[in-house]
Amino acid sequence: MGQELRYRRASAWEYDLILREAEKYGELKHNFFAVVEGKFRDVYAVNERVWVEVENLKLRPYAYGTFVGTIKVDNLIERFYPNVEFFYFVNVEKNYAVLSPKAGFLFTTGKDVPRRGVRRYNWQGTKKLVIYDENGVLLGIGRINPESERKFILNVTDVGEFLRRKR
């Protein structure tokens, strides 16, 4: 049989990893996270009232809250790798890009974005940017490539990825 899953609150150390990642983009708006520990440590933003109910259940749930990323070890260093949904819980004030309608559509189909498709951007340090359309809709995560006009923002992940996934 498969590995037993463990459900628990995020530790102070894990919360610090999450907080440090959020601070690259702005301010974290949520403060309660839980971890499902199996092969990976998946992080969920959880409503505290719901968590009290989860802790009192006889059966363990297979999911709760909003999946916001995974904590992994790279070269002996623990890091939090956010997914797109994580940025619904962050007040993004830096390291973002706003795309034109055409560029936004291309981005959500997995394509990279040319410089001319970027309406505005704020880039301070980290190579990753949170990507929005002109209406403030979260489209995904990109990596800035300032040396290229044709592939100015490389697609890391986007909201259309789930639909393109092979079944």
N, C-alpha and C. Protein backbone atom coordinates (compact mmCIF):
# COMPACT_ATOMS: atom_id res chain seq x y z
N MET A 1 0.85 -1.19 0.00
CA MET A 1 0.00 0.00 0.00
C MET A 1 0.89 1.24 0.00
N GLY A 2 0.31 2.41 -0.27
CA GLY A 2 1.04 3.67 -0.35
C GLY A 2 1.47 4.20 1.00
N GLN A 3 2.18 5.28 0.96
CA GLN A 3 2.69 5.92 2.18
C GLN A 3 1.54 6.58 2.95
N GLU A 4 1.61 6.46 4.26
CA GLU A 4 0.61 7.09 5.16
C GLU A 4 0.75 8.61 5.11
N LEU A 5 -0.36 9.31 4.95
CA LEU A 5 -0.34 10.77 4.94
C LEU A 5 -0.51 11.29 6.36
N ARG A 6 0.22 12.36 6.68
CA ARG A 6 0.07 13.03 7.98
C ARG A 6 -0.48 14.42 7.74
N TYR A 7 -1.44 14.81 8.58
CA TYR A 7 -2.08 16.12 8.49
C TYR A 7 -1.72 16.88 9.75
N ARG A 8 -1.23 18.11 9.56
CA ARG A 8 -0.86 18.90 10.75
C ARG A 8 -0.80 20.37 10.39
N ARG A 9 -0.78 21.17 11.46
CA ARG A 9 -0.57 22.61 11.26
C ARG A 9 0.85 22.82 10.74
N ALA A 10 1.04 23.88 9.98
CA ALA A 10 2.39 24.23 9.55
C ALA A 10 3.21 24.63 10.78
N SER A 11 4.44 24.17 10.84
CA SER A 11 5.31 24.53 11.96
C SER A 11 5.73 25.99 11.82
N ALA A 12 6.32 26.54 12.86
CA ALA A 12 6.82 27.92 12.82
C ALA A 12 7.85 28.07 11.70
N TRP A 13 8.69 27.07 11.53
CA TRP A 13 9.73 27.10 10.48
C TRP A 13 9.08 27.11 9.09
N GLU A 14 8.07 26.26 8.90
CA GLU A 14 7.38 26.20 7.60
C GLU A 14 6.64 27.50 7.32
N TYR A 15 6.00 28.06 8.34
CA TYR A 15 5.31 29.35 8.18
C TYR A 15 6.32 30.42 7.78
N ASP A 16 7.50 30.39 8.35
CA ASP A 16 8.54 31.35 8.01
C ASP A 16 8.96 31.21 6.54
N LEU A 17 9.06 29.97 6.04
CA LEU A 17 9.38 29.75 4.63
C LEU A 17 8.31 30.37 3.73
N ILE A 18 7.04 30.16 4.11
CA ILE A 18 5.90 30.70 3.35
C ILE A 18 5.93 32.23 3.39
N LEU A 19 6.14 32.78 4.57
CA LEU A 19 6.19 34.23 4.75
C LEU A 19 7.31 34.86 3.93
N ARG A 20 8.50 34.25 3.96
CA ARG A 20 9.64 34.78 3.19
C ARG A 20 9.36 34.78 1.69
N GLU A 21 8.67 33.74 1.20
CA GLU A 21 8.33 33.71 -0.23
C GLU A 21 7.33 34.83 -0.56
N ALA A 22 6.33 35.01 0.30
CA ALA A 22 5.33 36.06 0.08
C ALA A 22 5.98 37.44 0.06
N GLU A 23 6.96 37.67 0.93
CA GLU A 23 7.60 38.97 1.05
C GLU A 23 8.38 39.37 -0.21
N LYS A 24 8.68 38.42 -1.07
CA LYS A 24 9.33 38.76 -2.35
C LYS A 24 8.36 39.52 -3.26
N TYR A 25 7.05 39.40 -2.97
CA TYR A 25 6.02 39.98 -3.83
C TYR A 25 5.18 41.04 -3.13
N GLY A 26 5.13 41.01 -1.83
CA GLY A 26 4.30 41.95 -1.08
C GLY A 26 4.03 41.41 0.30
N GLU A 27 2.78 41.55 0.75
CA GLU A 27 2.42 41.18 2.12
C GLU A 27 1.47 39.98 2.13
N LEU A 28 1.77 39.01 2.98
CA LEU A 28 0.92 37.83 3.14
C LEU A 28 -0.36 38.26 3.85
N LYS A 29 -1.52 37.91 3.27
CA LYS A 29 -2.82 38.31 3.82
C LYS A 29 -3.46 37.20 4.65
N HIS A 30 -2.84 36.04 4.73
CA HIS A 30 -3.43 34.89 5.41
C HIS A 30 -2.39 34.37 6.40
N ASN A 31 -2.84 33.83 7.53
CA ASN A 31 -1.84 33.41 8.52
C ASN A 31 -2.03 31.99 9.05
N PHE A 32 -2.92 31.21 8.46
CA PHE A 32 -3.11 29.85 8.96
C PHE A 32 -2.93 28.85 7.83
N PHE A 33 -1.91 28.02 7.97
CA PHE A 33 -1.59 27.03 6.94
C PHE A 33 -1.46 25.66 7.58
N ALA A 34 -1.82 24.66 6.80
CA ALA A 34 -1.69 23.27 7.24
C ALA A 34 -0.86 22.53 6.20
N VAL A 35 -0.30 21.42 6.63
CA VAL A 35 0.57 20.62 5.77
C VAL A 35 0.02 19.21 5.68
N VAL A 36 0.01 18.66 4.47
CA VAL A 36 -0.25 17.24 4.27
C VAL A 36 1.11 16.66 3.90
N GLU A 37 1.59 15.79 4.77
CA GLU A 37 2.93 15.24 4.60
C GLU A 37 2.83 13.80 4.12
N GLY A 38 3.40 13.56 2.97
CA GLY A 38 3.49 12.23 2.40
C GLY A 38 4.82 12.16 1.70
N LYS A 39 4.80 11.89 0.39
CA LYS A 39 6.03 11.93 -0.41
C LYS A 39 6.59 13.36 -0.41
N PHE A 40 5.68 14.35 -0.47
CA PHE A 40 6.04 15.76 -0.42
C PHE A 40 5.35 16.39 0.79
N ARG A 41 5.66 17.65 1.06
CA ARG A 41 4.93 18.42 2.08
C ARG A 41 4.10 19.46 1.35
N ASP A 42 2.84 19.13 1.12
CA ASP A 42 1.93 20.04 0.45
C ASP A 42 1.33 21.00 1.46
N VAL A 43 1.27 22.28 1.08
CA VAL A 43 0.81 23.34 1.97
C VAL A 43 -0.57 23.82 1.53
N TYR A 44 -1.47 23.98 2.51
CA TYR A 44 -2.83 24.45 2.25
C TYR A 44 -3.12 25.67 3.11
N ALA A 45 -3.76 26.68 2.50
CA ALA A 45 -4.29 27.80 3.27
C ALA A 45 -5.63 27.30 3.81
N VAL A 46 -5.80 27.38 5.12
CA VAL A 46 -6.97 26.79 5.76
C VAL A 46 -7.66 27.84 6.63
N ASN A 47 -8.97 27.78 6.65
CA ASN A 47 -9.77 28.59 7.54
C ASN A 47 -9.62 27.99 8.94
N GLU A 48 -9.26 28.80 9.93
CA GLU A 48 -9.01 28.28 11.28
C GLU A 48 -10.22 27.58 11.89
N ARG A 49 -11.43 28.08 11.63
CA ARG A 49 -12.64 27.43 12.16
C ARG A 49 -12.81 26.04 11.55
N VAL A 50 -12.52 25.93 10.26
CA VAL A 50 -12.61 24.63 9.60
C VAL A 50 -11.56 23.68 10.18
N TRP A 51 -10.37 24.20 10.47
CA TRP A 51 -9.30 23.36 11.01
C TRP A 51 -9.72 22.71 12.33
N VAL A 52 -10.40 23.45 13.18
CA VAL A 52 -10.88 22.88 14.45
C VAL A 52 -11.77 21.68 14.17
N GLU A 53 -12.63 21.79 13.17
CA GLU A 53 -13.50 20.67 12.78
C GLU A 53 -12.69 19.50 12.25
N VAL A 54 -11.69 19.79 11.42
CA VAL A 54 -10.84 18.75 10.84
C VAL A 54 -10.12 17.97 11.94
N GLU A 55 -9.61 18.69 12.95
CA GLU A 55 -8.89 18.02 14.04
C GLU A 55 -9.79 17.09 14.83
N ASN A 56 -11.10 17.34 14.85
CA ASN A 56 -12.02 16.51 15.62
C ASN A 56 -12.64 15.37 14.82
N LEU A 57 -12.32 15.27 13.54
CA LEU A 57 -12.87 14.19 12.72
C LEU A 57 -12.22 12.85 13.05
N LYS A 58 -13.00 11.78 13.01
CA LYS A 58 -12.45 10.43 13.21
C LYS A 58 -11.69 9.99 11.95
N LEU A 59 -12.28 10.27 10.78
CA LEU A 59 -11.63 9.94 9.51
C LEU A 59 -10.77 11.12 9.08
N ARG A 60 -9.65 10.83 8.49
CA ARG A 60 -8.78 11.89 7.98
C ARG A 60 -9.26 12.32 6.59
N PRO A 61 -9.41 13.62 6.36
CA PRO A 61 -9.83 14.09 5.04
C PRO A 61 -8.67 13.93 4.05
N TYR A 62 -8.98 13.84 2.76
CA TYR A 62 -7.91 13.75 1.77
C TYR A 62 -7.52 15.13 1.25
N ALA A 63 -8.31 16.15 1.57
CA ALA A 63 -7.98 17.52 1.18
C ALA A 63 -8.76 18.49 2.05
N TYR A 64 -8.23 19.68 2.20
CA TYR A 64 -8.91 20.74 2.92
C TYR A 64 -8.25 22.05 2.58
N GLY A 65 -9.00 23.12 2.59
CA GLY A 65 -8.42 24.42 2.28
C GLY A 65 -8.04 24.54 0.82
N THR A 66 -7.19 25.50 0.54
CA THR A 66 -6.72 25.77 -0.82
C THR A 66 -5.26 25.37 -0.92
N PHE A 67 -4.95 24.49 -1.85
CA PHE A 67 -3.57 24.07 -2.07
C PHE A 67 -2.78 25.27 -2.59
N VAL A 68 -1.70 25.66 -1.89
CA VAL A 68 -0.94 26.85 -2.27
C VAL A 68 0.52 26.58 -2.63
N GLY A 69 0.98 25.35 -2.48
CA GLY A 69 2.36 25.06 -2.86
C GLY A 69 2.92 23.87 -2.11
N THR A 70 4.22 23.66 -2.32
CA THR A 70 4.91 22.50 -1.75
C THR A 70 6.23 22.94 -1.15
N ILE A 71 6.57 22.33 -0.03
CA ILE A 71 7.88 22.55 0.57
C ILE A 71 8.77 21.38 0.16
N LYS A 72 9.91 21.72 -0.45
CA LYS A 72 10.85 20.71 -0.94
C LYS A 72 12.25 21.08 -0.46
N VAL A 73 13.14 20.09 -0.49
CA VAL A 73 14.54 20.32 -0.16
C VAL A 73 15.33 20.30 -1.47
N ASP A 74 16.04 21.40 -1.75
CA ASP A 74 16.92 21.51 -2.91
C ASP A 74 18.33 21.79 -2.41
N ASN A 75 19.28 20.94 -2.79
CA ASN A 75 20.67 21.12 -2.35
C ASN A 75 20.76 21.36 -0.85
N LEU A 76 20.05 20.53 -0.09
CA LEU A 76 20.03 20.57 1.38
C LEU A 76 19.36 21.81 1.95
N ILE A 77 18.70 22.61 1.11
CA ILE A 77 18.02 23.82 1.59
C ILE A 77 16.52 23.64 1.38
N GLU A 78 15.75 23.85 2.45
CA GLU A 78 14.29 23.76 2.36
C GLU A 78 13.74 25.04 1.75
N ARG A 79 12.83 24.87 0.78
CA ARG A 79 12.21 26.03 0.14
C ARG A 79 10.73 25.77 -0.05
N PHE A 80 9.96 26.85 -0.03
CA PHE A 80 8.54 26.78 -0.33
C PHE A 80 8.37 27.17 -1.79
N TYR A 81 7.75 26.29 -2.57
CA TYR A 81 7.48 26.54 -3.98
C TYR A 81 5.99 26.82 -4.14
N PRO A 82 5.63 28.09 -4.34
CA PRO A 82 4.21 28.44 -4.44
C PRO A 82 3.62 28.03 -5.79
N ASN A 83 2.32 27.78 -5.80
CA ASN A 83 1.62 27.62 -7.06
C ASN A 83 0.85 28.92 -7.34
N VAL A 84 0.09 28.96 -8.41
CA VAL A 84 -0.63 30.18 -8.80
C VAL A 84 -1.58 30.64 -7.68
N GLU A 85 -2.31 29.70 -7.08
CA GLU A 85 -3.32 30.06 -6.07
C GLU A 85 -2.73 30.74 -4.85
N PHE A 86 -1.45 30.52 -4.57
CA PHE A 86 -0.80 31.16 -3.43
C PHE A 86 -0.96 32.68 -3.49
N PHE A 87 -0.93 33.23 -4.70
CA PHE A 87 -0.93 34.68 -4.84
C PHE A 87 -2.29 35.32 -4.60
N TYR A 88 -3.34 34.50 -4.41
CA TYR A 88 -4.63 35.03 -3.94
C TYR A 88 -4.53 35.40 -2.46
N PHE A 89 -3.52 34.90 -1.78
CA PHE A 89 -3.33 35.15 -0.35
C PHE A 89 -2.20 36.15 -0.08
N VAL A 90 -1.72 36.80 -1.14
CA VAL A 90 -0.64 37.78 -1.02
C VAL A 90 -1.11 39.10 -1.63
N ASN A 91 -0.85 40.20 -0.93
CA ASN A 91 -1.08 41.53 -1.46
C ASN A 91 0.11 41.86 -2.35
N VAL A 92 0.03 41.57 -3.64
CA VAL A 92 1.19 41.70 -4.54
C VAL A 92 1.43 43.17 -4.86
N GLU A 93 2.62 43.64 -4.48
CA GLU A 93 3.00 45.04 -4.68
C GLU A 93 4.27 45.19 -5.51
N LYS A 94 4.99 44.08 -5.72
CA LYS A 94 6.24 44.12 -6.50
C LYS A 94 6.44 42.76 -7.16
N ASN A 95 7.32 42.75 -8.15
CA ASN A 95 7.62 41.53 -8.91
C ASN A 95 6.37 40.96 -9.57
N TYR A 96 5.76 41.82 -10.38
CA TYR A 96 4.57 41.42 -11.13
C TYR A 96 4.63 42.04 -12.53
N ALA A 97 3.79 41.51 -13.43
CA ALA A 97 3.66 42.07 -14.77
C ALA A 97 2.18 42.07 -15.15
N VAL A 98 1.79 43.10 -15.90
CA VAL A 98 0.42 43.21 -16.42
C VAL A 98 0.53 43.08 -17.94
N LEU A 99 -0.23 42.14 -18.50
CA LEU A 99 -0.13 41.85 -19.92
C LEU A 99 -1.30 42.43 -20.71
N SER A 100 -1.05 42.68 -21.99
CA SER A 100 -2.11 43.09 -22.92
C SER A 100 -3.06 41.90 -23.10
N PRO A 101 -4.27 42.12 -23.63
CA PRO A 101 -5.21 41.01 -23.81
C PRO A 101 -4.64 39.86 -24.66
N LYS A 102 -4.01 40.18 -25.78
CA LYS A 102 -3.45 39.13 -26.65
C LYS A 102 -2.34 38.36 -25.94
N ALA A 103 -1.43 39.10 -25.28
CA ALA A 103 -0.33 38.45 -24.57
C ALA A 103 -0.86 37.61 -23.41
N GLY A 104 -1.89 38.11 -22.73
CA GLY A 104 -2.50 37.35 -21.63
C GLY A 104 -3.08 36.04 -22.12
N PHE A 105 -3.76 36.08 -23.28
CA PHE A 105 -4.30 34.85 -23.86
C PHE A 105 -3.18 33.87 -24.20
N LEU A 106 -2.13 34.36 -24.84
CA LEU A 106 -1.00 33.50 -25.19
C LEU A 106 -0.39 32.88 -23.94
N PHE A 107 -0.23 33.69 -22.90
CA PHE A 107 0.36 33.20 -21.66
C PHE A 107 -0.47 32.05 -21.07
N THR A 108 -1.80 32.18 -21.09
CA THR A 108 -2.65 31.13 -20.51
C THR A 108 -2.72 29.88 -21.38
N THR A 109 -2.11 29.93 -22.57
CA THR A 109 -2.01 28.72 -23.39
C THR A 109 -0.60 28.13 -23.32
N GLY A 110 0.18 28.62 -22.35
CA GLY A 110 1.51 28.05 -22.12
C GLY A 110 2.64 28.74 -22.86
N LYS A 111 2.35 29.82 -23.56
CA LYS A 111 3.37 30.51 -24.37
C LYS A 111 4.13 31.55 -23.56
N ASP A 112 5.33 31.89 -24.06
CA ASP A 112 6.13 32.97 -23.50
C ASP A 112 5.62 34.29 -24.06
N VAL A 113 5.96 35.41 -23.40
CA VAL A 113 5.41 36.73 -23.76
C VAL A 113 6.51 37.65 -24.28
N PRO A 114 6.28 38.30 -25.45
CA PRO A 114 7.25 39.27 -25.94
C PRO A 114 7.17 40.57 -25.14
N ARG A 115 8.21 41.36 -25.21
CA ARG A 115 8.27 42.64 -24.48
C ARG A 115 7.10 43.55 -24.83
N ARG A 116 6.69 43.57 -26.09
CA ARG A 116 5.60 44.46 -26.53
C ARG A 116 4.25 44.04 -25.95
N GLY A 117 4.12 42.80 -25.42
CA GLY A 117 2.86 42.34 -24.83
C GLY A 117 2.72 42.71 -23.37
N VAL A 118 3.76 43.32 -22.80
CA VAL A 118 3.75 43.69 -21.38
C VAL A 118 3.34 45.15 -21.26
N ARG A 119 2.19 45.40 -20.60
CA ARG A 119 1.71 46.77 -20.41
C ARG A 119 2.56 47.50 -19.37
N ARG A 120 2.82 46.84 -18.27
CA ARG A 120 3.70 47.41 -17.24
C ARG A 120 4.20 46.26 -16.37
N TYR A 121 5.32 46.53 -15.70
CA TYR A 121 5.87 45.52 -14.80
C TYR A 121 6.69 46.18 -13.70
N ASN A 122 6.84 45.45 -12.62
CA ASN A 122 7.64 45.88 -11.49
C ASN A 122 8.54 44.70 -11.16
N TRP A 123 9.84 44.93 -11.27
CA TRP A 123 10.80 43.84 -11.09
C TRP A 123 11.86 44.27 -10.08
N GLN A 124 11.92 43.57 -8.94
CA GLN A 124 12.86 43.93 -7.87
C GLN A 124 13.54 42.69 -7.30
N GLY A 125 14.56 42.21 -7.96
CA GLY A 125 15.35 41.14 -7.36
C GLY A 125 15.07 39.75 -7.87
N THR A 126 13.96 39.16 -7.47
CA THR A 126 13.67 37.79 -7.86
C THR A 126 13.36 37.71 -9.36
N LYS A 127 13.71 36.62 -10.01
CA LYS A 127 13.45 36.46 -11.44
C LYS A 127 11.98 36.12 -11.72
N LYS A 128 11.28 35.58 -10.71
CA LYS A 128 9.87 35.21 -10.92
C LYS A 128 8.96 36.41 -10.76
N LEU A 129 7.94 36.47 -11.62
CA LEU A 129 6.94 37.54 -11.57
C LEU A 129 5.55 36.91 -11.49
N VAL A 130 4.65 37.57 -10.78
CA VAL A 130 3.24 37.19 -10.78
C VAL A 130 2.63 37.89 -12.00
N ILE A 131 1.87 37.13 -12.79
CA ILE A 131 1.36 37.65 -14.05
C ILE A 131 -0.15 37.91 -13.95
N TYR A 132 -0.57 39.11 -14.38
CA TYR A 132 -1.97 39.52 -14.37
C TYR A 132 -2.39 40.00 -15.76
N ASP A 133 -3.71 40.00 -15.99
CA ASP A 133 -4.22 40.68 -17.19
C ASP A 133 -4.56 42.12 -16.80
N GLU A 134 -5.05 42.89 -17.74
CA GLU A 134 -5.34 44.31 -17.49
C GLU A 134 -6.46 44.53 -16.48
N ASN A 135 -7.29 43.51 -16.25
CA ASN A 135 -8.39 43.62 -15.28
C ASN A 135 -7.99 43.15 -13.88
N GLY A 136 -6.73 42.83 -13.69
CA GLY A 136 -6.27 42.37 -12.38
C GLY A 136 -6.52 40.90 -12.13
N VAL A 137 -6.84 40.14 -13.17
CA VAL A 137 -7.06 38.69 -13.02
C VAL A 137 -5.71 37.98 -13.03
N LEU A 138 -5.50 37.16 -12.03
CA LEU A 138 -4.26 36.39 -11.90
C LEU A 138 -4.18 35.35 -13.00
N LEU A 139 -3.10 35.39 -13.80
CA LEU A 139 -2.94 34.46 -14.92
C LEU A 139 -1.91 33.38 -14.64
N GLY A 140 -0.90 33.68 -13.80
CA GLY A 140 0.11 32.67 -13.54
C GLY A 140 1.39 33.25 -13.00
N ILE A 141 2.44 32.48 -13.19
CA ILE A 141 3.78 32.85 -12.73
C ILE A 141 4.71 32.78 -13.93
N GLY A 142 5.52 33.83 -14.10
CA GLY A 142 6.48 33.86 -15.20
C GLY A 142 7.88 34.14 -14.68
N ARG A 143 8.85 33.96 -15.54
CA ARG A 143 10.24 34.28 -15.20
C ARG A 143 10.70 35.36 -16.18
N ILE A 144 11.20 36.48 -15.66
CA ILE A 144 11.63 37.57 -16.52
C ILE A 144 12.94 37.20 -17.22
N ASN A 145 13.02 37.58 -18.47
CA ASN A 145 14.18 37.30 -19.32
C ASN A 145 14.54 38.62 -20.01
N PRO A 146 15.14 39.58 -19.27
CA PRO A 146 15.32 40.95 -19.77
C PRO A 146 16.20 41.08 -21.01
N GLU A 147 16.99 40.06 -21.33
CA GLU A 147 17.86 40.14 -22.51
C GLU A 147 17.11 39.90 -23.81
N SER A 148 15.88 39.39 -23.74
CA SER A 148 15.15 39.01 -24.94
C SER A 148 13.91 39.88 -25.16
N GLU A 149 13.73 40.37 -26.38
CA GLU A 149 12.51 41.10 -26.74
C GLU A 149 11.38 40.11 -27.05
N ARG A 150 11.71 38.99 -27.70
CA ARG A 150 10.71 38.02 -28.15
C ARG A 150 10.19 37.13 -27.02
N LYS A 151 11.05 36.80 -26.06
CA LYS A 151 10.66 35.95 -24.92
C LYS A 151 11.01 36.69 -23.64
N PHE A 152 10.37 37.85 -23.45
CA PHE A 152 10.66 38.73 -22.31
C PHE A 152 10.21 38.10 -20.99
N ILE A 153 9.03 37.42 -21.02
CA ILE A 153 8.56 36.70 -19.84
C ILE A 153 8.33 35.25 -20.24
N LEU A 154 9.05 34.36 -19.58
CA LEU A 154 8.92 32.94 -19.84
C LEU A 154 7.82 32.37 -18.95
N ASN A 155 6.98 31.53 -19.50
CA ASN A 155 5.88 30.93 -18.75
C ASN A 155 6.43 29.85 -17.83
N VAL A 156 6.21 30.00 -16.52
CA VAL A 156 6.57 28.98 -15.54
C VAL A 156 5.36 28.09 -15.29
N THR A 157 4.22 28.72 -15.00
CA THR A 157 2.95 28.01 -14.83
C THR A 157 1.82 29.01 -15.01
N ASP A 158 0.66 28.51 -15.41
CA ASP A 158 -0.46 29.41 -15.66
C ASP A 158 -1.78 28.72 -15.36
N VAL A 159 -2.86 29.50 -15.35
CA VAL A 159 -4.18 28.99 -14.99
C VAL A 159 -4.73 28.00 -16.02
N GLY A 160 -4.21 27.98 -17.22
CA GLY A 160 -4.67 27.05 -18.25
C GLY A 160 -3.99 25.70 -18.21
N GLU A 161 -2.97 25.56 -17.37
CA GLU A 161 -2.18 24.32 -17.33
C GLU A 161 -3.03 23.09 -17.01
N PHE A 162 -3.94 23.22 -16.08
CA PHE A 162 -4.80 22.10 -15.68
C PHE A 162 -5.58 21.56 -16.87
N LEU A 163 -6.09 22.48 -17.71
CA LEU A 163 -6.89 22.06 -18.86
C LEU A 163 -6.05 21.40 -19.96
N ARG A 164 -4.78 21.79 -20.04
CA ARG A 164 -3.89 21.21 -21.07
C ARG A 164 -3.28 19.88 -20.65
N ARG A 165 -3.39 19.54 -19.39
CA ARG A 165 -2.77 18.33 -18.85
C ARG A 165 -3.29 17.08 -19.57
N LYS A 166 -2.35 16.17 -19.88
CA LYS A 166 -2.75 14.89 -20.49
C LYS A 166 -3.39 14.03 -19.43
N ARG A 167 -4.47 13.36 -19.79
CA ARG A 167 -5.18 12.51 -18.84
C ARG A 167 -4.70 11.10 -18.92
